[in-house]
C-alpha cells in the first residue's frame, strides 16, 4: 500500500512539473497580431526605389605583357668579363650590356690574319712561276706536265688565300660576339650572370623589354570575343594602381582554348611608367545596359550574416530581408539591390544621413 501511494505521489509531482513547463500556470497572451517595435530612429525619411539604367560590362582577366622583349644570350663559350647593367636599369639602343673575355678570340684572329699574309705570299710566288713556265711552254722548252703542276699550285694558293680570308671573317664575327649591346631602348628585367661566370653557347645573360610598348593579354569568352575586332576602343582596369585606362584591341588570336573556351585578346596599353609586365589587369568589354535598383548604404542593417531594411507600413516600420550587391560605379554610398525589393517600393533611411 505504501509503495502504491509513493508511486502515485511521484506521478502527481511529475504531472505538476510538466504542466508548469507547458505554461499552464502563466498568464496567456490574448489572440491577435502584434505590431513590431520600430527599429529606425525618429525622423527617418521614406525613399522610393526607382530603377536606373546601368551599363553591362564583361570583365576578362588578363596580364600586362611587353610587346617588345629580348633575351640576350651568348653565341660563344667564354668567361664573363663584366656586366654593365642591373635589373631595373634603363638602357638605350646599342648600349653595352655584357662583355666576354676576348683574349682567346683576339689570338685566333691574329693567327688568321697571319695565315692570310702567308697565303698571299705563296700566291705571289706561284703566279710569276706559272707565267714563266707558260712562256717556256710556248717555246717548247718545258713539258705540259710541268705547266699543269704550276697551274695547280696557283689554283691551290688562291684557294688557300680565300680560306684564310674566310677564317679572318669568322674570327672577327666571333670577336664581335664578346660585346653584347641592347637591341632597342628599354628597361632591364633581370641579369643572369656575374663577372667570372663561364657561359656556353645559348646561355641567357640579360633580359630586357620596352616599357613604352606594353599590352594587355586577356582571356575572353568565345561568345564575346567573336564580337570584337581589331581597333575597337575599350578600357582596362589596373587594380594595383586603382586606375582605369583606355586601350585599343591590337590582336585577337584566331584559336580558342578548348579547355576554357576563350580567345586571347591583346590590347595596346598607354605609355605609363607605373605599368610593369606581369601586373594583373582586367579588360572591360561593354555589352549594353540593364535596369538596376540602388538604395543608400545607410539604409541597410545587418543581423549576423543577414541584411535587411526597414519599410514603412500603416502599422509602423517593418523589417524586409534583402540581398545586396556591389556599390554603384562612382557612388560607393549607394548599393545595388539583388533581391527582396522591387521598383516603386519605399524604404526608410535614417535622418542622420539625409
C-alpha atoms as a PDB file:
ATOM      1  CA  UNK A   1       0.000   0.000   0.000  1.00  0.00           C
ATOM      2  CA  UNK A   2       2.817   2.370   0.874  1.00  0.00           C
ATOM      3  CA  UNK A   3       4.545   1.589  -2.400  1.00  0.00           C
ATOM      4  CA  UNK A   4       1.376   2.392  -4.334  1.00  0.00           C
ATOM      5  CA  UNK A   5       0.893   5.693  -2.545  1.00  0.00           C
ATOM      6  CA  UNK A   6       4.550   6.580  -3.206  1.00  0.00           C
ATOM      7  CA  UNK A   7       4.207   5.843  -6.887  1.00  0.00           C
ATOM      8  CA  UNK A   8       1.038   7.911  -7.135  1.00  0.00           C
ATOM      9  CA  UNK A   9       2.738  10.800  -5.349  1.00  0.00           C
ATOM     10  CA  UNK A  10       5.681  10.687  -7.782  1.00  0.00           C
ATOM     11  CA  UNK A  11       3.338  10.713 -10.745  1.00  0.00           C
ATOM     12  CA  UNK A  12       1.498  13.673  -9.305  1.00  0.00           C
ATOM     13  CA  UNK A  13       4.714  15.648  -8.856  1.00  0.00           C
ATOM     14  CA  UNK A  14       5.773  14.817 -12.415  1.00  0.00           C
ATOM     15  CA  UNK A  15       2.393  15.916 -13.805  1.00  0.00           C
ATOM     16  CA  UNK A  16       2.574  19.240 -11.964  1.00  0.00           C
ATOM     17  CA  UNK A  17       6.105  19.837 -13.269  1.00  0.00           C
ATOM     18  CA  UNK A  18       5.082  19.136 -16.855  1.00  0.00           C
ATOM     19  CA  UNK A  19       2.071  21.441 -16.531  1.00  0.00           C
ATOM     20  CA  UNK A  20       4.296  24.247 -15.205  1.00  0.00           C
ATOM     21  CA  UNK A  21       6.781  23.801 -18.052  1.00  0.00           C
ATOM     22  CA  UNK A  22       3.882  23.937 -20.524  1.00  0.00           C
ATOM     23  CA  UNK A  23       2.856  27.354 -19.140  1.00  0.00           C
ATOM     24  CA  UNK A  24      -0.455  26.318 -17.613  1.00  0.00           C
ATOM     25  CA  UNK A  25       0.206  28.461 -14.528  1.00  0.00           C
ATOM     26  CA  UNK A  26       1.343  31.600 -16.546  1.00  0.00           C
ATOM     27  CA  UNK A  27      -0.778  34.430 -17.963  1.00  0.00           C
ATOM     28  CA  UNK A  28      -1.859  33.745 -21.536  1.00  0.00           C
ATOM     29  CA  UNK A  29      -1.272  36.211 -24.417  1.00  0.00           C
ATOM     30  CA  UNK A  30      -4.616  37.053 -25.992  1.00  0.00           C
ATOM     31  CA  UNK A  31      -5.024  36.087 -29.660  1.00  0.00           C
ATOM     32  CA  UNK A  32      -4.398  38.715 -32.348  1.00  0.00           C
ATOM     33  CA  UNK A  33      -1.478  40.458 -34.138  1.00  0.00           C
ATOM     34  CA  UNK A  34       1.377  42.283 -32.516  1.00  0.00           C
ATOM     35  CA  UNK A  35       2.942  45.286 -34.195  1.00  0.00           C
ATOM     36  CA  UNK A  36       6.741  45.055 -34.043  1.00  0.00           C
ATOM     37  CA  UNK A  37       8.551  47.908 -32.443  1.00  0.00           C
ATOM     38  CA  UNK A  38      10.198  50.352 -34.856  1.00  0.00           C
ATOM     39  CA  UNK A  39      13.960  49.967 -35.094  1.00  0.00           C
ATOM     40  CA  UNK A  40      14.618  53.118 -37.134  1.00  0.00           C
ATOM     41  CA  UNK A  41      15.370  56.358 -35.397  1.00  0.00           C
ATOM     42  CA  UNK A  42      12.692  59.020 -35.330  1.00  0.00           C
ATOM     43  CA  UNK A  43      12.659  61.368 -38.296  1.00  0.00           C
ATOM     44  CA  UNK A  44      13.608  58.685 -40.835  1.00  0.00           C
ATOM     45  CA  UNK A  45      12.803  59.570 -44.425  1.00  0.00           C
ATOM     46  CA  UNK A  46      10.963  57.302 -46.815  1.00  0.00           C
ATOM     47  CA  UNK A  47      12.759  56.878 -50.119  1.00  0.00           C
ATOM     48  CA  UNK A  48      11.063  55.380 -53.172  1.00  0.00           C
ATOM     49  CA  UNK A  49      13.248  52.992 -55.175  1.00  0.00           C
ATOM     50  CA  UNK A  50      13.400  53.931 -58.835  1.00  0.00           C
ATOM     51  CA  UNK A  51      15.031  51.734 -61.493  1.00  0.00           C
ATOM     52  CA  UNK A  52      18.024  53.149 -63.314  1.00  0.00           C
ATOM     53  CA  UNK A  53      19.812  52.077 -66.492  1.00  0.00           C
ATOM     54  CA  UNK A  54      23.346  50.853 -65.856  1.00  0.00           C
ATOM     55  CA  UNK A  55      25.913  49.544 -68.336  1.00  0.00           C
ATOM     56  CA  UNK A  56      26.632  45.810 -68.556  1.00  0.00           C
ATOM     57  CA  UNK A  57      30.392  45.218 -68.666  1.00  0.00           C
ATOM     58  CA  UNK A  58      32.204  41.912 -69.146  1.00  0.00           C
ATOM     59  CA  UNK A  59      35.441  41.720 -67.165  1.00  0.00           C
ATOM     60  CA  UNK A  60      38.070  39.486 -68.770  1.00  0.00           C
ATOM     61  CA  UNK A  61      41.030  38.680 -66.536  1.00  0.00           C
ATOM     62  CA  UNK A  62      44.418  39.264 -68.125  1.00  0.00           C
ATOM     63  CA  UNK A  63      48.074  40.121 -67.640  1.00  0.00           C
ATOM     64  CA  UNK A  64      50.211  43.068 -68.687  1.00  0.00           C
ATOM     65  CA  UNK A  65      52.940  41.934 -71.079  1.00  0.00           C
ATOM     66  CA  UNK A  66      55.658  43.587 -73.133  1.00  0.00           C
ATOM     67  CA  UNK A  67      55.204  43.744 -76.888  1.00  0.00           C
ATOM     68  CA  UNK A  68      58.984  44.000 -77.369  1.00  0.00           C
ATOM     69  CA  UNK A  69      61.048  41.761 -75.105  1.00  0.00           C
ATOM     70  CA  UNK A  70      64.527  40.366 -75.734  1.00  0.00           C
ATOM     71  CA  UNK A  71      66.557  37.652 -74.062  1.00  0.00           C
ATOM     72  CA  UNK A  72      70.220  38.412 -74.686  1.00  0.00           C
ATOM     73  CA  UNK A  73      72.171  35.141 -74.985  1.00  0.00           C
ATOM     74  CA  UNK A  74      75.751  34.293 -75.896  1.00  0.00           C
ATOM     75  CA  UNK A  75      76.716  32.700 -79.205  1.00  0.00           C
ATOM     76  CA  UNK A  76      80.146  31.618 -77.989  1.00  0.00           C
ATOM     77  CA  UNK A  77      81.593  29.843 -74.965  1.00  0.00           C
ATOM     78  CA  UNK A  78      83.637  32.244 -72.858  1.00  0.00           C
ATOM     79  CA  UNK A  79      84.137  33.804 -69.435  1.00  0.00           C
ATOM     80  CA  UNK A  80      82.097  36.851 -68.439  1.00  0.00           C
ATOM     81  CA  UNK A  81      84.447  39.819 -68.098  1.00  0.00           C
ATOM     82  CA  UNK A  82      81.916  42.459 -66.969  1.00  0.00           C
ATOM     83  CA  UNK A  83      78.183  43.181 -66.720  1.00  0.00           C
ATOM     84  CA  UNK A  84      77.222  46.839 -67.095  1.00  0.00           C
ATOM     85  CA  UNK A  85      73.561  46.749 -66.015  1.00  0.00           C
ATOM     86  CA  UNK A  86      71.300  45.531 -63.248  1.00  0.00           C
ATOM     87  CA  UNK A  87      67.586  44.811 -63.032  1.00  0.00           C
ATOM     88  CA  UNK A  88      65.560  47.988 -63.435  1.00  0.00           C
ATOM     89  CA  UNK A  89      68.225  49.948 -65.327  1.00  0.00           C
ATOM     90  CA  UNK A  90      67.120  51.903 -68.387  1.00  0.00           C
ATOM     91  CA  UNK A  91      69.252  51.326 -71.480  1.00  0.00           C
ATOM     92  CA  UNK A  92      69.433  52.957 -74.897  1.00  0.00           C
ATOM     93  CA  UNK A  93      69.829  51.291 -78.278  1.00  0.00           C
ATOM     94  CA  UNK A  94      73.357  49.946 -78.705  1.00  0.00           C
ATOM     95  CA  UNK A  95      74.350  50.464 -75.072  1.00  0.00           C
ATOM     96  CA  UNK A  96      76.819  47.762 -73.862  1.00  0.00           C
ATOM     97  CA  UNK A  97      75.267  45.184 -71.558  1.00  0.00           C
ATOM     98  CA  UNK A  98      77.788  42.332 -71.145  1.00  0.00           C
ATOM     99  CA  UNK A  99      81.417  41.930 -72.174  1.00  0.00           C
ATOM    100  CA  UNK A 100      83.000  38.482 -72.502  1.00  0.00           C
ATOM    101  CA  UNK A 101      86.688  37.622 -72.219  1.00  0.00           C
ATOM    102  CA  UNK A 102      88.060  38.181 -75.745  1.00  0.00           C
ATOM    103  CA  UNK A 103      91.745  37.259 -75.329  1.00  0.00           C
ATOM    104  CA  UNK A 104      91.447  33.797 -76.894  1.00  0.00           C
ATOM    105  CA  UNK A 105      89.448  35.124 -79.823  1.00  0.00           C
ATOM    106  CA  UNK A 106      91.873  38.007 -80.347  1.00  0.00           C
ATOM    107  CA  UNK A 107      94.741  35.483 -80.566  1.00  0.00           C
ATOM    108  CA  UNK A 108      92.729  33.395 -83.017  1.00  0.00           C
ATOM    109  CA  UNK A 109      92.085  36.483 -85.154  1.00  0.00           C
ATOM    110  CA  UNK A 110      95.784  37.335 -85.165  1.00  0.00           C
ATOM    111  CA  UNK A 111      96.641  33.820 -86.328  1.00  0.00           C
ATOM    112  CA  UNK A 112      94.045  34.024 -89.097  1.00  0.00           C
ATOM    113  CA  UNK A 113      95.446  37.326 -90.305  1.00  0.00           C
ATOM    114  CA  UNK A 114      98.962  35.870 -90.347  1.00  0.00           C
ATOM    115  CA  UNK A 115      97.665  32.943 -92.367  1.00  0.00           C
ATOM    116  CA  UNK A 116      96.266  35.440 -94.896  1.00  0.00           C
ATOM    117  CA  UNK A 117      99.680  37.085 -95.193  1.00  0.00           C
ATOM    118  CA  UNK A 118     101.315  33.696 -95.766  1.00  0.00           C
ATOM    119  CA  UNK A 119      98.694  32.683 -98.352  1.00  0.00           C
ATOM    120  CA  UNK A 120      99.175  35.923-100.259  1.00  0.00           C
ATOM    121  CA  UNK A 121     102.933  35.408-100.274  1.00  0.00           C
ATOM    122  CA  UNK A 122     102.501  31.871-101.591  1.00  0.00           C
ATOM    123  CA  UNK A 123     100.179  33.093-104.301  1.00  0.00           C
ATOM    124  CA  UNK A 124     102.571  35.896-105.144  1.00  0.00           C
ATOM    125  CA  UNK A 125     105.322  33.337-105.720  1.00  0.00           C
ATOM    126  CA  UNK A 126     103.161  30.835-107.612  1.00  0.00           C
ATOM    127  CA  UNK A 127     101.703  33.231-110.179  1.00  0.00           C
ATOM    128  CA  UNK A 128     105.069  34.539-111.589  1.00  0.00           C
ATOM    129  CA  UNK A 129     106.365  30.987-111.718  1.00  0.00           C
ATOM    130  CA  UNK A 130     103.340  29.950-113.751  1.00  0.00           C
ATOM    131  CA  UNK A 131     103.788  32.858-116.142  1.00  0.00           C
ATOM    132  CA  UNK A 132     107.456  31.949-116.642  1.00  0.00           C
ATOM    133  CA  UNK A 133     106.643  28.319-117.334  1.00  0.00           C
ATOM    134  CA  UNK A 134     103.851  29.359-119.670  1.00  0.00           C
ATOM    135  CA  UNK A 135     106.315  31.341-121.778  1.00  0.00           C
ATOM    136  CA  UNK A 136     108.768  28.441-121.838  1.00  0.00           C
ATOM    137  CA  UNK A 137     105.995  26.017-122.781  1.00  0.00           C
ATOM    138  CA  UNK A 138     105.038  28.206-125.743  1.00  0.00           C
ATOM    139  CA  UNK A 139     108.631  27.892-126.983  1.00  0.00           C
ATOM    140  CA  UNK A 140     108.634  24.147-126.291  1.00  0.00           C
ATOM    141  CA  UNK A 141     111.223  24.419-123.523  1.00  0.00           C
ATOM    142  CA  UNK A 142     109.112  22.684-120.823  1.00  0.00           C
ATOM    143  CA  UNK A 143     106.625  19.873-120.843  1.00  0.00           C
ATOM    144  CA  UNK A 144     102.871  20.231-120.422  1.00  0.00           C
ATOM    145  CA  UNK A 145     103.102  18.299-117.165  1.00  0.00           C
ATOM    146  CA  UNK A 146     105.364  20.977-115.674  1.00  0.00           C
ATOM    147  CA  UNK A 147     102.945  23.694-116.785  1.00  0.00           C
ATOM    148  CA  UNK A 148      99.951  21.868-115.304  1.00  0.00           C
ATOM    149  CA  UNK A 149     101.745  21.382-111.973  1.00  0.00           C
ATOM    150  CA  UNK A 150     102.467  25.118-111.868  1.00  0.00           C
ATOM    151  CA  UNK A 151      98.848  25.924-112.729  1.00  0.00           C
ATOM    152  CA  UNK A 152      97.648  23.617-109.925  1.00  0.00           C
ATOM    153  CA  UNK A 153      99.981  25.352-107.499  1.00  0.00           C
ATOM    154  CA  UNK A 154      98.483  28.730-108.440  1.00  0.00           C
ATOM    155  CA  UNK A 155      94.919  27.486-108.008  1.00  0.00           C
ATOM    156  CA  UNK A 156      95.824  25.895-104.668  1.00  0.00           C
ATOM    157  CA  UNK A 157      97.418  29.149-103.484  1.00  0.00           C
ATOM    158  CA  UNK A 158      94.314  31.101-104.451  1.00  0.00           C
ATOM    159  CA  UNK A 159      92.063  28.629-102.599  1.00  0.00           C
ATOM    160  CA  UNK A 160      94.293  28.802 -99.525  1.00  0.00           C
ATOM    161  CA  UNK A 161      94.119  32.604 -99.598  1.00  0.00           C
ATOM    162  CA  UNK A 162      90.319  32.502 -99.829  1.00  0.00           C
ATOM    163  CA  UNK A 163      90.144  30.018 -96.927  1.00  0.00           C
ATOM    164  CA  UNK A 164      92.440  32.201 -94.817  1.00  0.00           C
ATOM    165  CA  UNK A 165      90.332  35.297 -95.546  1.00  0.00           C
ATOM    166  CA  UNK A 166      87.152  33.461 -94.539  1.00  0.00           C
ATOM    167  CA  UNK A 167      88.894  32.382 -91.327  1.00  0.00           C
ATOM    168  CA  UNK A 168      89.613  36.058 -90.624  1.00  0.00           C
ATOM    169  CA  UNK A 169      85.950  36.925 -91.197  1.00  0.00           C
ATOM    170  CA  UNK A 170      84.834  34.153 -88.835  1.00  0.00           C
ATOM    171  CA  UNK A 171      87.307  35.253 -86.171  1.00  0.00           C
ATOM    172  CA  UNK A 172      86.144  38.858 -86.452  1.00  0.00           C
ATOM    173  CA  UNK A 173      82.495  37.817 -86.151  1.00  0.00           C
ATOM    174  CA  UNK A 174      83.280  35.645 -83.118  1.00  0.00           C
ATOM    175  CA  UNK A 175      85.203  38.523 -81.556  1.00  0.00           C
ATOM    176  CA  UNK A 176      82.196  40.771 -82.138  1.00  0.00           C
ATOM    177  CA  UNK A 177      80.069  38.383 -80.075  1.00  0.00           C
ATOM    178  CA  UNK A 178      82.100  39.245 -76.991  1.00  0.00           C
ATOM    179  CA  UNK A 179      80.417  42.669 -76.821  1.00  0.00           C
ATOM    180  CA  UNK A 180      76.650  42.340 -76.291  1.00  0.00           C
ATOM    181  CA  UNK A 181      74.586  45.510 -76.607  1.00  0.00           C
ATOM    182  CA  UNK A 182      70.921  46.448 -76.227  1.00  0.00           C
ATOM    183  CA  UNK A 183      68.966  45.845 -79.467  1.00  0.00           C
ATOM    184  CA  UNK A 184      66.471  48.577 -78.545  1.00  0.00           C
ATOM    185  CA  UNK A 185      65.882  51.204 -75.881  1.00  0.00           C
ATOM    186  CA  UNK A 186      64.216  49.679 -72.855  1.00  0.00           C
ATOM    187  CA  UNK A 187      64.499  48.503 -69.275  1.00  0.00           C
ATOM    188  CA  UNK A 188      66.404  45.548 -67.859  1.00  0.00           C
ATOM    189  CA  UNK A 189      64.188  42.906 -66.276  1.00  0.00           C
ATOM    190  CA  UNK A 190      66.888  40.578 -64.989  1.00  0.00           C
ATOM    191  CA  UNK A 191      70.582  39.755 -65.314  1.00  0.00           C
ATOM    192  CA  UNK A 192      71.515  36.104 -65.134  1.00  0.00           C
ATOM    193  CA  UNK A 193      75.323  36.192 -64.901  1.00  0.00           C
ATOM    194  CA  UNK A 194      78.065  37.810 -62.872  1.00  0.00           C
ATOM    195  CA  UNK A 195      81.686  38.622 -63.796  1.00  0.00           C
ATOM    196  CA  UNK A 196      83.782  35.464 -63.719  1.00  0.00           C
ATOM    197  CA  UNK A 197      80.973  33.111 -64.734  1.00  0.00           C
ATOM    198  CA  UNK A 198      81.722  30.724 -67.576  1.00  0.00           C
ATOM    199  CA  UNK A 199      78.926  30.617 -70.137  1.00  0.00           C
ATOM    200  CA  UNK A 200      78.242  28.262 -73.015  1.00  0.00           C
ATOM    201  CA  UNK A 201      76.555  28.833 -76.361  1.00  0.00           C
ATOM    202  CA  UNK A 202      72.929  29.842 -75.872  1.00  0.00           C
ATOM    203  CA  UNK A 203      73.263  30.727 -72.182  1.00  0.00           C
ATOM    204  CA  UNK A 204      70.955  33.664 -71.214  1.00  0.00           C
ATOM    205  CA  UNK A 205      72.752  36.757 -69.982  1.00  0.00           C
ATOM    206  CA  UNK A 206      70.257  39.630 -69.711  1.00  0.00           C
ATOM    207  CA  UNK A 207      66.528  40.066 -70.343  1.00  0.00           C
ATOM    208  CA  UNK A 208      65.010  43.447 -71.172  1.00  0.00           C
ATOM    209  CA  UNK A 209      61.774  44.940 -72.517  1.00  0.00           C
ATOM    210  CA  UNK A 210      60.457  48.183 -73.961  1.00  0.00           C
ATOM    211  CA  UNK A 211      58.310  49.881 -71.266  1.00  0.00           C
ATOM    212  CA  UNK A 212      56.748  52.195 -73.839  1.00  0.00           C
ATOM    213  CA  UNK A 213      55.176  49.264 -75.722  1.00  0.00           C
ATOM    214  CA  UNK A 214      53.051  47.270 -73.286  1.00  0.00           C
ATOM    215  CA  UNK A 215      49.803  45.441 -73.915  1.00  0.00           C
ATOM    216  CA  UNK A 216      47.134  43.579 -72.009  1.00  0.00           C
ATOM    217  CA  UNK A 217      46.571  39.937 -72.906  1.00  0.00           C
ATOM    218  CA  UNK A 218      43.198  38.741 -71.614  1.00  0.00           C
ATOM    219  CA  UNK A 219      41.217  35.502 -71.957  1.00  0.00           C
ATOM    220  CA  UNK A 220      37.787  36.472 -73.345  1.00  0.00           C
ATOM    221  CA  UNK A 221      34.793  34.149 -73.588  1.00  0.00           C
ATOM    222  CA  UNK A 222      34.302  32.936 -77.154  1.00  0.00           C
ATOM    223  CA  UNK A 223      30.750  34.310 -77.345  1.00  0.00           C
ATOM    224  CA  UNK A 224      32.107  37.799 -76.630  1.00  0.00           C
ATOM    225  CA  UNK A 225      35.473  37.621 -78.389  1.00  0.00           C
ATOM    226  CA  UNK A 226      33.735  36.976 -81.704  1.00  0.00           C
ATOM    227  CA  UNK A 227      32.072  40.411 -81.395  1.00  0.00           C
ATOM    228  CA  UNK A 228      35.380  42.235 -81.080  1.00  0.00           C
ATOM    229  CA  UNK A 229      37.527  43.492 -83.930  1.00  0.00           C
ATOM    230  CA  UNK A 230      40.978  44.978 -84.295  1.00  0.00           C
ATOM    231  CA  UNK A 231      40.953  48.673 -83.439  1.00  0.00           C
ATOM    232  CA  UNK A 232      37.998  48.550 -81.015  1.00  0.00           C
ATOM    233  CA  UNK A 233      38.354  51.109 -78.210  1.00  0.00           C
ATOM    234  CA  UNK A 234      37.910  49.537 -74.755  1.00  0.00           C
ATOM    235  CA  UNK A 235      39.036  50.141 -71.194  1.00  0.00           C
ATOM    236  CA  UNK A 236      41.259  48.181 -68.830  1.00  0.00           C
ATOM    237  CA  UNK A 237      41.240  48.153 -65.051  1.00  0.00           C
ATOM    238  CA  UNK A 238      44.619  48.016 -63.284  1.00  0.00           C
ATOM    239  CA  UNK A 239      43.758  47.026 -59.710  1.00  0.00           C
ATOM    240  CA  UNK A 240      47.241  47.589 -58.291  1.00  0.00           C
ATOM    241  CA  UNK A 241      47.130  51.227 -59.442  1.00  0.00           C
ATOM    242  CA  UNK A 242      43.397  51.657 -58.760  1.00  0.00           C
ATOM    243  CA  UNK A 243      43.125  53.121 -62.247  1.00  0.00           C
ATOM    244  CA  UNK A 244      41.153  52.588 -65.446  1.00  0.00           C
ATOM    245  CA  UNK A 245      42.965  53.287 -68.728  1.00  0.00           C
ATOM    246  CA  UNK A 246      41.912  53.402 -72.369  1.00  0.00           C
ATOM    247  CA  UNK A 247      43.130  50.555 -74.603  1.00  0.00           C
ATOM    248  CA  UNK A 248      42.777  49.532 -78.255  1.00  0.00           C
ATOM    249  CA  UNK A 249      42.314  45.972 -79.461  1.00  0.00           C
ATOM    250  CA  UNK A 250      45.539  45.132 -81.259  1.00  0.00           C
ATOM    251  CA  UNK A 251      45.193  41.437 -81.985  1.00  0.00           C
ATOM    252  CA  UNK A 252      42.766  38.556 -81.485  1.00  0.00           C
ATOM    253  CA  UNK A 253      44.462  35.175 -81.534  1.00  0.00           C
ATOM    254  CA  UNK A 254      42.478  33.143 -84.112  1.00  0.00           C
ATOM    255  CA  UNK A 255      42.310  29.993 -81.993  1.00  0.00           C
ATOM    256  CA  UNK A 256      40.243  29.215 -78.912  1.00  0.00           C
ATOM    257  CA  UNK A 257      41.472  27.335 -75.865  1.00  0.00           C
ATOM    258  CA  UNK A 258      39.433  24.092 -75.886  1.00  0.00           C
ATOM    259  CA  UNK A 259      39.666  23.781 -72.090  1.00  0.00           C
ATOM    260  CA  UNK A 260      38.348  27.237 -71.148  1.00  0.00           C
ATOM    261  CA  UNK A 261      36.576  28.125 -74.426  1.00  0.00           C
ATOM    262  CA  UNK A 262      38.261  31.508 -74.512  1.00  0.00           C
ATOM    263  CA  UNK A 263      40.199  33.575 -77.035  1.00  0.00           C
ATOM    264  CA  UNK A 264      43.312  35.577 -76.182  1.00  0.00           C
ATOM    265  CA  UNK A 265      42.664  39.253 -76.918  1.00  0.00           C
ATOM    266  CA  UNK A 266      45.653  41.597 -76.973  1.00  0.00           C
ATOM    267  CA  UNK A 267      45.014  45.298 -76.340  1.00  0.00           C
ATOM    268  CA  UNK A 268      47.580  48.100 -76.559  1.00  0.00           C
ATOM    269  CA  UNK A 269      48.177  49.940 -73.266  1.00  0.00           C
ATOM    270  CA  UNK A 270      49.210  53.611 -72.998  1.00  0.00           C
ATOM    271  CA  UNK A 271      52.793  54.598 -72.255  1.00  0.00           C
ATOM    272  CA  UNK A 272      52.808  54.708 -68.445  1.00  0.00           C
ATOM    273  CA  UNK A 273      55.908  54.432 -66.260  1.00  0.00           C
ATOM    274  CA  UNK A 274      53.858  52.848 -63.449  1.00  0.00           C
ATOM    275  CA  UNK A 275      52.911  49.820 -65.571  1.00  0.00           C
ATOM    276  CA  UNK A 276      55.101  46.717 -65.464  1.00  0.00           C
ATOM    277  CA  UNK A 277      54.941  43.338 -67.223  1.00  0.00           C
ATOM    278  CA  UNK A 278      53.213  40.675 -65.163  1.00  0.00           C
ATOM    279  CA  UNK A 279      50.742  43.017 -63.459  1.00  0.00           C
ATOM    280  CA  UNK A 280      47.149  41.835 -63.026  1.00  0.00           C
ATOM    281  CA  UNK A 281      44.580  43.651 -65.155  1.00  0.00           C
ATOM    282  CA  UNK A 282      41.027  43.244 -66.393  1.00  0.00           C
ATOM    283  CA  UNK A 283      39.751  44.037 -69.865  1.00  0.00           C
ATOM    284  CA  UNK A 284      36.367  45.804 -69.650  1.00  0.00           C
ATOM    285  CA  UNK A 285      34.054  44.962 -72.553  1.00  0.00           C
ATOM    286  CA  UNK A 286      30.680  46.817 -72.720  1.00  0.00           C
ATOM    287  CA  UNK A 287      27.695  44.607 -73.566  1.00  0.00           C
ATOM    288  CA  UNK A 288      24.801  47.096 -73.366  1.00  0.00           C
ATOM    289  CA  UNK A 289      22.581  48.204 -70.463  1.00  0.00           C
ATOM    290  CA  UNK A 290      20.228  46.745 -67.868  1.00  0.00           C
ATOM    291  CA  UNK A 291      17.844  48.016 -65.177  1.00  0.00           C
ATOM    292  CA  UNK A 292      19.027  48.068 -61.572  1.00  0.00           C
ATOM    293  CA  UNK A 293      17.790  49.250 -58.162  1.00  0.00           C
ATOM    294  CA  UNK A 294      20.074  51.148 -55.795  1.00  0.00           C
ATOM    295  CA  UNK A 295      19.498  52.193 -52.198  1.00  0.00           C
ATOM    296  CA  UNK A 296      21.533  54.266 -49.713  1.00  0.00           C
ATOM    297  CA  UNK A 297      24.153  52.288 -47.852  1.00  0.00           C
ATOM    298  CA  UNK A 298      22.935  53.734 -44.530  1.00  0.00           C
ATOM    299  CA  UNK A 299      19.515  52.148 -45.019  1.00  0.00           C
ATOM    300  CA  UNK A 300      20.977  48.641 -44.809  1.00  0.00           C
ATOM    301  CA  UNK A 301      21.352  46.953 -41.404  1.00  0.00           C
ATOM    302  CA  UNK A 302      22.777  43.551 -40.539  1.00  0.00           C
ATOM    303  CA  UNK A 303      21.818  40.718 -38.241  1.00  0.00           C
ATOM    304  CA  UNK A 304      24.636  38.211 -38.298  1.00  0.00           C
ATOM    305  CA  UNK A 305      25.077  37.278 -41.951  1.00  0.00           C
ATOM    306  CA  UNK A 306      21.684  38.656 -42.981  1.00  0.00           C
ATOM    307  CA  UNK A 307      20.949  42.113 -44.374  1.00  0.00           C
ATOM    308  CA  UNK A 308      17.657  43.931 -44.032  1.00  0.00           C
ATOM    309  CA  UNK A 309      15.996  47.316 -44.490  1.00  0.00           C
ATOM    310  CA  UNK A 310      13.036  48.986 -42.810  1.00  0.00           C
ATOM    311  CA  UNK A 311       9.969  49.626 -44.944  1.00  0.00           C
ATOM    312  CA  UNK A 312       7.115  51.911 -43.895  1.00  0.00           C
ATOM    313  CA  UNK A 313       3.667  50.354 -43.342  1.00  0.00           C
ATOM    314  CA  UNK A 314       0.351  51.540 -41.901  1.00  0.00           C
ATOM    315  CA  UNK A 315       1.217  49.851 -38.608  1.00  0.00           C
ATOM    316  CA  UNK A 316       4.807  51.110 -38.461  1.00  0.00           C
ATOM    317  CA  UNK A 317       8.223  50.128 -39.845  1.00  0.00           C
ATOM    318  CA  UNK A 318       8.757  46.506 -40.749  1.00  0.00           C
ATOM    319  CA  UNK A 319      11.909  44.578 -41.500  1.00  0.00           C
ATOM    320  CA  UNK A 320      12.492  43.269 -45.009  1.00  0.00           C
ATOM    321  CA  UNK A 321      15.440  40.939 -45.611  1.00  0.00           C
ATOM    322  CA  UNK A 322      17.282  41.720 -48.807  1.00  0.00           C
ATOM    323  CA  UNK A 323      20.350  40.636 -50.755  1.00  0.00           C
ATOM    324  CA  UNK A 324      22.783  43.428 -51.561  1.00  0.00           C
ATOM    325  CA  UNK A 325      25.291  43.586 -54.397  1.00  0.00           C
ATOM    326  CA  UNK A 326      28.170  45.878 -55.283  1.00  0.00           C
ATOM    327  CA  UNK A 327      28.291  49.640 -54.954  1.00  0.00           C
ATOM    328  CA  UNK A 328      27.341  51.844 -57.876  1.00  0.00           C
ATOM    329  CA  UNK A 329      30.159  52.922 -60.196  1.00  0.00           C
ATOM    330  CA  UNK A 330      31.468  56.228 -58.885  1.00  0.00           C
ATOM    331  CA  UNK A 331      28.972  56.276 -55.978  1.00  0.00           C
ATOM    332  CA  UNK A 332      30.173  53.993 -53.144  1.00  0.00           C
ATOM    333  CA  UNK A 333      27.395  55.235 -50.829  1.00  0.00           C
ATOM    334  CA  UNK A 334      24.749  53.519 -52.993  1.00  0.00           C
ATOM    335  CA  UNK A 335      24.359  49.718 -53.092  1.00  0.00           C
ATOM    336  CA  UNK A 336      22.591  47.578 -55.660  1.00  0.00           C
ATOM    337  CA  UNK A 337      19.584  45.518 -54.579  1.00  0.00           C
ATOM    338  CA  UNK A 338      19.788  41.974 -55.924  1.00  0.00           C
ATOM    339  CA  UNK A 339      16.599  40.612 -54.342  1.00  0.00           C
ATOM    340  CA  UNK A 340      13.999  41.422 -51.692  1.00  0.00           C
ATOM    341  CA  UNK A 341      12.737  44.737 -53.106  1.00  0.00           C
ATOM    342  CA  UNK A 342      11.091  45.870 -56.312  1.00  0.00           C
ATOM    343  CA  UNK A 343      10.845  49.163 -58.117  1.00  0.00           C
ATOM    344  CA  UNK A 344       8.308  51.545 -56.607  1.00  0.00           C
ATOM    345  CA  UNK A 345       8.677  50.262 -53.023  1.00  0.00           C
ATOM    346  CA  UNK A 346       9.750  52.616 -50.250  1.00  0.00           C
ATOM    347  CA  UNK A 347      12.423  52.171 -47.627  1.00  0.00           C
ATOM    348  CA  UNK A 348      13.280  54.182 -44.549  1.00  0.00           C
ATOM    349  CA  UNK A 349      16.598  55.987 -44.364  1.00  0.00           C
ATOM    350  CA  UNK A 350      17.781  57.409 -41.026  1.00  0.00           C
ATOM    351  CA  UNK A 351      17.558  61.199 -40.905  1.00  0.00           C
ATOM    352  CA  UNK A 352      21.237  61.464 -39.913  1.00  0.00           C
ATOM    353  CA  UNK A 353      22.357  60.592 -43.471  1.00  0.00           C
ATOM    354  CA  UNK A 354      19.962  62.922 -45.296  1.00  0.00           C
END
